[in-house]
Structures are given as C-alpha cells and as structure tokens.
C-alpha cells in the first residue's frame, strides 16, 4: 500500500461539512483537516473521492448510507469531528 501524502490547509481554510441527503438516504462527509481524514480513513475505510493538489491529498469525501448504522455510530462515537 502506498503511503498517502496530505496537504495541511491554512487554519482559516480548514473545513468539515456533513450533509444529510434524505432523498438518497445517505450522509456525505467532506473534510480537508488532515487528522480527521486519517481518522475517518481508519473508521470508515477509503473515501469515495480524494481531492488532490499535485501529489498531495487536499481533501476527502465519504458517503454513508442510512442502512449502515454501524458506520454511523462509529462516526459519532469515535471520530473527533467536533474537536471535543
């Protein structure tokens, strides 16, 4: 497995968005925060899309369907989304 390189964003440009799409019954999660990307990679698996800047990953996106309750509970309980 190749070691992934992440590009750390400027502090004021760091973002994480969680969209709930009820029609398609899924959660879409996007983040460009490196520590959260690594955490979500371990919890949820590979992202559906990685945004790259040259060779470095500048952001990642995951989709979780509502029927995947185990992944959703892991996300809420274990991922440090809210930095608490």
PDB file of N, CA and C in Angstrom:
ATOM      1  N   UNK A   1       0.837  -1.184   0.000  1.00  0.00           N
ATOM      2  CA  UNK A   1       0.000   0.000   0.000  1.00  0.00           C
ATOM      3  C   UNK A   1       0.880   1.245   0.000  1.00  0.00           C
ATOM      4  N   UNK A   2       0.549   2.198  -0.838  1.00  0.00           N
ATOM      5  CA  UNK A   2       1.289   3.444  -0.919  1.00  0.00           C
ATOM      6  C   UNK A   2       0.985   4.326   0.273  1.00  0.00           C
ATOM      7  N   UNK A   3       2.024   4.991   0.762  1.00  0.00           N
ATOM      8  CA  UNK A   3       1.828   5.946   1.853  1.00  0.00           C
ATOM      9  C   UNK A   3       1.202   7.205   1.272  1.00  0.00           C
ATOM     10  N   UNK A   4       0.130   7.661   1.874  1.00  0.00           N
ATOM     11  CA  UNK A   4      -0.578   8.833   1.374  1.00  0.00           C
ATOM     12  C   UNK A   4       0.053  10.099   1.933  1.00  0.00           C
ATOM     13  N   UNK A   5       0.125  11.104   1.090  1.00  0.00           N
ATOM     14  CA  UNK A   5       0.618  12.424   1.493  1.00  0.00           C
ATOM     15  C   UNK A   5      -0.562  13.376   1.569  1.00  0.00           C
ATOM     16  N   UNK A   6      -0.658  14.060   2.691  1.00  0.00           N
ATOM     17  CA  UNK A   6      -1.738  15.011   2.885  1.00  0.00           C
ATOM     18  C   UNK A   6      -1.180  16.417   2.906  1.00  0.00           C
ATOM     19  N   UNK A   7      -1.936  17.355   2.377  1.00  0.00           N
ATOM     20  CA  UNK A   7      -1.557  18.769   2.396  1.00  0.00           C
ATOM     21  C   UNK A   7      -2.343  19.450   3.500  1.00  0.00           C
ATOM     22  N   UNK A   8      -1.634  19.980   4.462  1.00  0.00           N
ATOM     23  CA  UNK A   8      -2.265  20.669   5.594  1.00  0.00           C
ATOM     24  C   UNK A   8      -2.776  22.034   5.134  1.00  0.00           C
ATOM     25  N   UNK A   9      -4.091  22.296   5.301  1.00  0.00           N
ATOM     26  CA  UNK A   9      -4.623  23.608   4.888  1.00  0.00           C
ATOM     27  C   UNK A   9      -4.270  24.688   5.901  1.00  0.00           C
ATOM     28  N   UNK A  10      -4.379  25.918   5.476  1.00  0.00           N
ATOM     29  CA  UNK A  10      -4.223  27.029   6.411  1.00  0.00           C
ATOM     30  C   UNK A  10      -5.333  26.927   7.453  1.00  0.00           C
ATOM     31  N   UNK A  11      -5.050  27.380   8.664  1.00  0.00           N
ATOM     32  CA  UNK A  11      -6.021  27.242   9.754  1.00  0.00           C
ATOM     33  C   UNK A  11      -7.371  27.873   9.408  1.00  0.00           C
ATOM     34  N   UNK A  12      -7.363  29.028   8.757  1.00  0.00           N
ATOM     35  CA  UNK A  12      -8.629  29.692   8.429  1.00  0.00           C
ATOM     36  C   UNK A  12      -9.352  29.038   7.260  1.00  0.00           C
ATOM     37  N   UNK A  13      -8.686  28.123   6.555  1.00  0.00           N
ATOM     38  CA  UNK A  13      -9.313  27.426   5.438  1.00  0.00           C
ATOM     39  C   UNK A  13      -9.753  26.002   5.778  1.00  0.00           C
ATOM     40  N   UNK A  14      -9.554  25.571   7.012  1.00  0.00           N
ATOM     41  CA  UNK A  14      -9.942  24.227   7.432  1.00  0.00           C
ATOM     42  C   UNK A  14     -11.457  24.127   7.483  1.00  0.00           C
ATOM     43  N   UNK A  15     -11.996  23.049   6.896  1.00  0.00           N
ATOM     44  CA  UNK A  15     -13.448  22.887   6.911  1.00  0.00           C
ATOM     45  C   UNK A  15     -13.825  21.409   6.937  1.00  0.00           C
ATOM     46  N   UNK A  16     -14.974  21.158   7.534  1.00  0.00           N
ATOM     47  CA  UNK A  16     -15.593  19.838   7.525  1.00  0.00           C
ATOM     48  C   UNK A  16     -17.082  20.066   7.342  1.00  0.00           C
ATOM     49  N   UNK A  17     -17.669  19.396   6.359  1.00  0.00           N
ATOM     50  CA  UNK A  17     -19.108  19.521   6.134  1.00  0.00           C
ATOM     51  C   UNK A  17     -19.738  18.141   6.165  1.00  0.00           C
ATOM     52  N   UNK A  18     -20.894  18.077   6.796  1.00  0.00           N
ATOM     53  CA  UNK A  18     -21.679  16.847   6.840  1.00  0.00           C
ATOM     54  C   UNK A  18     -23.048  17.181   6.274  1.00  0.00           C
ATOM     55  N   UNK A  19     -23.366  16.587   5.147  1.00  0.00           N
ATOM     56  CA  UNK A  19     -24.660  16.813   4.503  1.00  0.00           C
ATOM     57  C   UNK A  19     -25.522  15.572   4.664  1.00  0.00           C
ATOM     58  N   UNK A  20     -26.760  15.774   5.053  1.00  0.00           N
ATOM     59  CA  UNK A  20     -27.731  14.683   5.156  1.00  0.00           C
ATOM     60  C   UNK A  20     -28.644  14.799   3.943  1.00  0.00           C
ATOM     61  N   UNK A  21     -28.595  13.802   3.075  1.00  0.00           N
ATOM     62  CA  UNK A  21     -29.404  13.800   1.864  1.00  0.00           C
ATOM     63  C   UNK A  21     -30.530  12.794   2.068  1.00  0.00           C
ATOM     64  N   UNK A  22     -31.696  13.296   2.434  1.00  0.00           N
ATOM     65  CA  UNK A  22     -32.804  12.422   2.807  1.00  0.00           C
ATOM     66  C   UNK A  22     -33.362  11.644   1.623  1.00  0.00           C
ATOM     67  N   UNK A  23     -33.439  12.266   0.452  1.00  0.00           N
ATOM     68  CA  UNK A  23     -33.978  11.570  -0.727  1.00  0.00           C
ATOM     69  C   UNK A  23     -33.158  10.331  -1.079  1.00  0.00           C
ATOM     70  N   UNK A  24     -31.846  10.442  -0.964  1.00  0.00           N
ATOM     71  CA  UNK A  24     -30.960   9.329  -1.315  1.00  0.00           C
ATOM     72  C   UNK A  24     -30.588   8.485  -0.092  1.00  0.00           C
ATOM     73  N   UNK A  25     -31.060   8.897   1.080  1.00  0.00           N
ATOM     74  CA  UNK A  25     -30.815   8.220   2.351  1.00  0.00           C
ATOM     75  C   UNK A  25     -29.326   7.977   2.601  1.00  0.00           C
ATOM     76  N   UNK A  26     -28.575   9.077   2.630  1.00  0.00           N
ATOM     77  CA  UNK A  26     -27.150   8.947   2.902  1.00  0.00           C
ATOM     78  C   UNK A  26     -26.581  10.209   3.534  1.00  0.00           C
ATOM     79  N   UNK A  27     -25.440  10.039   4.182  1.00  0.00           N
ATOM     80  CA  UNK A  27     -24.663  11.133   4.738  1.00  0.00           C
ATOM     81  C   UNK A  27     -23.463  11.341   3.828  1.00  0.00           C
ATOM     82  N   UNK A  28     -23.153  12.577   3.512  1.00  0.00           N
ATOM     83  CA  UNK A  28     -21.949  12.902   2.745  1.00  0.00           C
ATOM     84  C   UNK A  28     -21.050  13.720   3.667  1.00  0.00           C
ATOM     85  N   UNK A  29     -19.821  13.274   3.835  1.00  0.00           N
ATOM     86  CA  UNK A  29     -18.879  13.938   4.722  1.00  0.00           C
ATOM     87  C   UNK A  29     -17.669  14.379   3.909  1.00  0.00           C
ATOM     88  N   UNK A  30     -17.341  15.657   3.993  1.00  0.00           N
ATOM     89  CA  UNK A  30     -16.147  16.191   3.346  1.00  0.00           C
ATOM     90  C   UNK A  30     -15.306  16.878   4.403  1.00  0.00           C
ATOM     91  N   UNK A  31     -13.993  16.667   4.342  1.00  0.00           N
ATOM     92  CA  UNK A  31     -13.081  17.387   5.219  1.00  0.00           C
ATOM     93  C   UNK A  31     -11.750  17.595   4.529  1.00  0.00           C
ATOM     94  N   UNK A  32     -11.073  18.672   4.913  1.00  0.00           N
ATOM     95  CA  UNK A  32      -9.714  18.885   4.448  1.00  0.00           C
ATOM     96  C   UNK A  32      -8.747  18.917   5.632  1.00  0.00           C
ATOM     97  N   UNK A  33      -9.241  18.576   6.809  1.00  0.00           N
ATOM     98  CA  UNK A  33      -8.405  18.526   8.002  1.00  0.00           C
ATOM     99  C   UNK A  33      -7.669  17.189   8.015  1.00  0.00           C
ATOM    100  N   UNK A  34      -6.358  17.221   8.033  1.00  0.00           N
ATOM    101  CA  UNK A  34      -5.538  16.020   7.873  1.00  0.00           C
ATOM    102  C   UNK A  34      -5.791  14.992   8.974  1.00  0.00           C
ATOM    103  N   UNK A  35      -5.819  15.413  10.226  1.00  0.00           N
ATOM    104  CA  UNK A  35      -6.010  14.451  11.314  1.00  0.00           C
ATOM    105  C   UNK A  35      -7.372  13.762  11.216  1.00  0.00           C
ATOM    106  N   UNK A  36      -8.401  14.492  10.822  1.00  0.00           N
ATOM    107  CA  UNK A  36      -9.734  13.913  10.679  1.00  0.00           C
ATOM    108  C   UNK A  36      -9.801  12.987   9.462  1.00  0.00           C
ATOM    109  N   UNK A  37      -9.107  13.340   8.383  1.00  0.00           N
ATOM    110  CA  UNK A  37      -9.066  12.468   7.210  1.00  0.00           C
ATOM    111  C   UNK A  37      -8.454  11.117   7.568  1.00  0.00           C
ATOM    112  N   UNK A  38      -7.367  11.133   8.325  1.00  0.00           N
ATOM    113  CA  UNK A  38      -6.716   9.883   8.732  1.00  0.00           C
ATOM    114  C   UNK A  38      -7.628   9.072   9.648  1.00  0.00           C
ATOM    115  N   UNK A  39      -8.301   9.746  10.563  1.00  0.00           N
ATOM    116  CA  UNK A  39      -9.222   9.082  11.486  1.00  0.00           C
ATOM    117  C   UNK A  39     -10.383   8.434  10.735  1.00  0.00           C
ATOM    118  N   UNK A  40     -10.988   9.165   9.815  1.00  0.00           N
ATOM    119  CA  UNK A  40     -12.114   8.643   9.052  1.00  0.00           C
ATOM    120  C   UNK A  40     -11.685   7.517   8.119  1.00  0.00           C
ATOM    121  N   UNK A  41     -10.467   7.591   7.624  1.00  0.00           N
ATOM    122  CA  UNK A  41      -9.937   6.507   6.799  1.00  0.00           C
ATOM    123  C   UNK A  41      -9.915   5.197   7.583  1.00  0.00           C
ATOM    124  N   UNK A  42      -9.516   5.275   8.849  1.00  0.00           N
ATOM    125  CA  UNK A  42      -9.467   4.080   9.698  1.00  0.00           C
ATOM    126  C   UNK A  42     -10.869   3.591  10.063  1.00  0.00           C
ATOM    127  N   UNK A  43     -11.766   4.517  10.387  1.00  0.00           N
ATOM    128  CA  UNK A  43     -13.111   4.147  10.831  1.00  0.00           C
ATOM    129  C   UNK A  43     -14.034   3.714   9.691  1.00  0.00           C
ATOM    130  N   UNK A  44     -14.018   4.455   8.600  1.00  0.00           N
ATOM    131  CA  UNK A  44     -14.989   4.255   7.520  1.00  0.00           C
ATOM    132  C   UNK A  44     -14.402   3.572   6.290  1.00  0.00           C
ATOM    133  N   UNK A  45     -13.104   3.499   6.204  1.00  0.00           N
ATOM    134  CA  UNK A  45     -12.477   2.932   5.022  1.00  0.00           C
ATOM    135  C   UNK A  45     -12.108   4.027   4.034  1.00  0.00           C
ATOM    136  N   UNK A  46     -11.740   3.606   2.840  1.00  0.00           N
ATOM    137  CA  UNK A  46     -11.305   4.542   1.812  1.00  0.00           C
ATOM    138  C   UNK A  46     -12.435   5.508   1.423  1.00  0.00           C
ATOM    139  N   UNK A  47     -12.090   6.774   1.178  1.00  0.00           N
ATOM    140  CA  UNK A  47     -13.101   7.739   0.744  1.00  0.00           C
ATOM    141  C   UNK A  47     -13.536   7.462  -0.689  1.00  0.00           C
ATOM    142  N   UNK A  48     -14.740   7.947  -1.045  1.00  0.00           N
ATOM    143  CA  UNK A  48     -15.203   7.765  -2.421  1.00  0.00           C
ATOM    144  C   UNK A  48     -14.478   8.718  -3.362  1.00  0.00           C
ATOM    145  N   UNK A  49     -13.967   9.837  -2.809  1.00  0.00           N
ATOM    146  CA  UNK A  49     -13.247  10.796  -3.642  1.00  0.00           C
ATOM    147  C   UNK A  49     -12.161  11.472  -2.814  1.00  0.00           C
ATOM    148  N   UNK A  50     -10.992  11.607  -3.412  1.00  0.00           N
ATOM    149  CA  UNK A  50      -9.904  12.352  -2.800  1.00  0.00           C
ATOM    150  C   UNK A  50      -9.535  13.501  -3.729  1.00  0.00           C
ATOM    151  N   UNK A  51      -9.528  14.691  -3.180  1.00  0.00           N
ATOM    152  CA  UNK A  51      -9.168  15.882  -3.934  1.00  0.00           C
ATOM    153  C   UNK A  51      -7.666  16.070  -3.811  1.00  0.00           C
ATOM    154  N   UNK A  52      -6.981  16.140  -4.946  1.00  0.00           N
ATOM    155  CA  UNK A  52      -5.521  16.194  -4.926  1.00  0.00           C
ATOM    156  C   UNK A  52      -5.001  17.518  -5.450  1.00  0.00           C
ATOM    157  N   UNK A  53      -3.894  17.931  -4.877  1.00  0.00           N
ATOM    158  CA  UNK A  53      -3.141  19.095  -5.316  1.00  0.00           C
ATOM    159  C   UNK A  53      -1.737  18.588  -5.629  1.00  0.00           C
ATOM    160  N   UNK A  54      -1.456  18.393  -6.897  1.00  0.00           N
ATOM    161  CA  UNK A  54      -0.235  17.730  -7.365  1.00  0.00           C
ATOM    162  C   UNK A  54      -0.231  16.307  -6.826  1.00  0.00           C
ATOM    163  N   UNK A  55       0.680  15.964  -5.913  1.00  0.00           N
ATOM    164  CA  UNK A  55       0.719  14.589  -5.382  1.00  0.00           C
ATOM    165  C   UNK A  55       0.101  14.466  -3.994  1.00  0.00           C
ATOM    166  N   UNK A  56      -0.258  15.572  -3.390  1.00  0.00           N
ATOM    167  CA  UNK A  56      -0.794  15.562  -2.028  1.00  0.00           C
ATOM    168  C   UNK A  56      -2.314  15.593  -2.025  1.00  0.00           C
ATOM    169  N   UNK A  57      -2.895  14.966  -1.023  1.00  0.00           N
ATOM    170  CA  UNK A  57      -4.344  14.955  -0.856  1.00  0.00           C
ATOM    171  C   UNK A  57      -4.740  16.209  -0.084  1.00  0.00           C
ATOM    172  N   UNK A  58      -5.617  17.020  -0.662  1.00  0.00           N
ATOM    173  CA  UNK A  58      -6.031  18.260  -0.003  1.00  0.00           C
ATOM    174  C   UNK A  58      -7.413  18.150   0.636  1.00  0.00           C
ATOM    175  N   UNK A  59      -8.141  17.075   0.361  1.00  0.00           N
ATOM    176  CA  UNK A  59      -9.456  16.864   0.958  1.00  0.00           C
ATOM    177  C   UNK A  59      -9.992  15.498   0.576  1.00  0.00           C
ATOM    178  N   UNK A  60     -10.935  14.989   1.368  1.00  0.00           N
ATOM    179  CA  UNK A  60     -11.522  13.671   1.115  1.00  0.00           C
ATOM    180  C   UNK A  60     -13.019  13.707   1.366  1.00  0.00           C
ATOM    181  N   UNK A  61     -13.753  12.813   0.670  1.00  0.00           N
ATOM    182  CA  UNK A  61     -15.208  12.740   0.824  1.00  0.00           C
ATOM    183  C   UNK A  61     -15.641  11.284   1.006  1.00  0.00           C
ATOM    184  N   UNK A  62     -16.544  11.088   1.951  1.00  0.00           N
ATOM    185  CA  UNK A  62     -17.126   9.774   2.217  1.00  0.00           C
ATOM    186  C   UNK A  62     -18.637   9.866   2.089  1.00  0.00           C
ATOM    187  N   UNK A  63     -19.255   8.763   1.712  1.00  0.00           N
ATOM    188  CA  UNK A  63     -20.719   8.643   1.697  1.00  0.00           C
ATOM    189  C   UNK A  63     -21.083   7.437   2.541  1.00  0.00           C
ATOM    190  N   UNK A  64     -22.055   7.623   3.432  1.00  0.00           N
ATOM    191  CA  UNK A  64     -22.538   6.538   4.279  1.00  0.00           C
ATOM    192  C   UNK A  64     -24.044   6.455   4.103  1.00  0.00           C
ATOM    193  N   UNK A  65     -24.535   5.304   3.712  1.00  0.00           N
ATOM    194  CA  UNK A  65     -25.976   5.120   3.562  1.00  0.00           C
ATOM    195  C   UNK A  65     -26.608   4.896   4.936  1.00  0.00           C
ATOM    196  N   UNK A  66     -27.851   5.316   5.081  1.00  0.00           N
ATOM    197  CA  UNK A  66     -28.551   5.217   6.359  1.00  0.00           C
ATOM    198  C   UNK A  66     -28.596   3.784   6.880  1.00  0.00           C
ATOM    199  N   UNK A  67     -28.600   2.802   6.000  1.00  0.00           N
ATOM    200  CA  UNK A  67     -28.680   1.407   6.432  1.00  0.00           C
ATOM    201  C   UNK A  67     -27.379   0.937   7.091  1.00  0.00           C
ATOM    202  N   UNK A  68     -26.298   1.686   6.939  1.00  0.00           N
ATOM    203  CA  UNK A  68     -25.016   1.335   7.553  1.00  0.00           C
ATOM    204  C   UNK A  68     -24.921   1.960   8.949  1.00  0.00           C
ATOM    205  N   UNK A  69     -25.779   1.499   9.821  1.00  0.00           N
ATOM    206  CA  UNK A  69     -25.887   2.080  11.165  1.00  0.00           C
ATOM    207  C   UNK A  69     -24.600   1.915  11.972  1.00  0.00           C
ATOM    208  N   UNK A  70     -23.883   0.825  11.742  1.00  0.00           N
ATOM    209  CA  UNK A  70     -22.633   0.584  12.453  1.00  0.00           C
ATOM    210  C   UNK A  70     -21.609   1.679  12.134  1.00  0.00           C
ATOM    211  N   UNK A  71     -21.480   2.036  10.869  1.00  0.00           N
ATOM    212  CA  UNK A  71     -20.539   3.083  10.472  1.00  0.00           C
ATOM    213  C   UNK A  71     -20.956   4.437  11.026  1.00  0.00           C
ATOM    214  N   UNK A  72     -22.256   4.711  11.021  1.00  0.00           N
ATOM    215  CA  UNK A  72     -22.748   5.989  11.533  1.00  0.00           C
ATOM    216  C   UNK A  72     -22.466   6.106  13.029  1.00  0.00           C
ATOM    217  N   UNK A  73     -22.690   5.034  13.773  1.00  0.00           N
ATOM    218  CA  UNK A  73     -22.429   5.084  15.215  1.00  0.00           C
ATOM    219  C   UNK A  73     -20.931   5.218  15.492  1.00  0.00           C
ATOM    220  N   UNK A  74     -20.080   4.556  14.713  1.00  0.00           N
ATOM    221  CA  UNK A  74     -18.630   4.723  14.869  1.00  0.00           C
ATOM    222  C   UNK A  74     -18.234   6.168  14.606  1.00  0.00           C
ATOM    223  N   UNK A  75     -18.813   6.738  13.573  1.00  0.00           N
ATOM    224  CA  UNK A  75     -18.516   8.124  13.215  1.00  0.00           C
ATOM    225  C   UNK A  75     -18.857   9.065  14.367  1.00  0.00           C
ATOM    226  N   UNK A  76     -20.019   8.891  14.935  1.00  0.00           N
ATOM    227  CA  UNK A  76     -20.470   9.793  16.005  1.00  0.00           C
ATOM    228  C   UNK A  76     -19.682   9.561  17.299  1.00  0.00           C
ATOM    229  N   UNK A  77     -19.424   8.300  17.628  1.00  0.00           N
ATOM    230  CA  UNK A  77     -18.776   7.994  18.900  1.00  0.00           C
ATOM    231  C   UNK A  77     -17.259   8.136  18.887  1.00  0.00           C
ATOM    232  N   UNK A  78     -16.621   7.745  17.794  1.00  0.00           N
ATOM    233  CA  UNK A  78     -15.160   7.665  17.802  1.00  0.00           C
ATOM    234  C   UNK A  78     -14.444   8.783  17.068  1.00  0.00           C
ATOM    235  N   UNK A  79     -15.041   9.319  16.026  1.00  0.00           N
ATOM    236  CA  UNK A  79     -14.359  10.366  15.255  1.00  0.00           C
ATOM    237  C   UNK A  79     -14.445  11.692  16.005  1.00  0.00           C
ATOM    238  N   UNK A  80     -13.361  12.406  16.011  1.00  0.00           N
ATOM    239  CA  UNK A  80     -13.302  13.691  16.722  1.00  0.00           C
ATOM    240  C   UNK A  80     -13.719  14.823  15.791  1.00  0.00           C
ATOM    241  N   UNK A  81     -14.948  14.740  15.303  1.00  0.00           N
ATOM    242  CA  UNK A  81     -15.446  15.732  14.341  1.00  0.00           C
ATOM    243  C   UNK A  81     -15.588  17.099  14.972  1.00  0.00           C
ATOM    244  N   UNK A  82     -16.047  17.141  16.196  1.00  0.00           N
ATOM    245  CA  UNK A  82     -16.328  18.405  16.862  1.00  0.00           C
ATOM    246  C   UNK A  82     -15.161  18.897  17.709  1.00  0.00           C
ATOM    247  N   UNK A  83     -14.035  18.172  17.671  1.00  0.00           N
ATOM    248  CA  UNK A  83     -12.836  18.508  18.431  1.00  0.00           C
ATOM    249  C   UNK A  83     -13.126  18.666  19.920  1.00  0.00           C
ATOM    250  N   UNK A  84     -13.862  17.732  20.478  1.00  0.00           N
ATOM    251  CA  UNK A  84     -14.172  17.764  21.911  1.00  0.00           C
ATOM    252  C   UNK A  84     -13.155  16.956  22.689  1.00  0.00           C
TER     253      UNK A  84
END
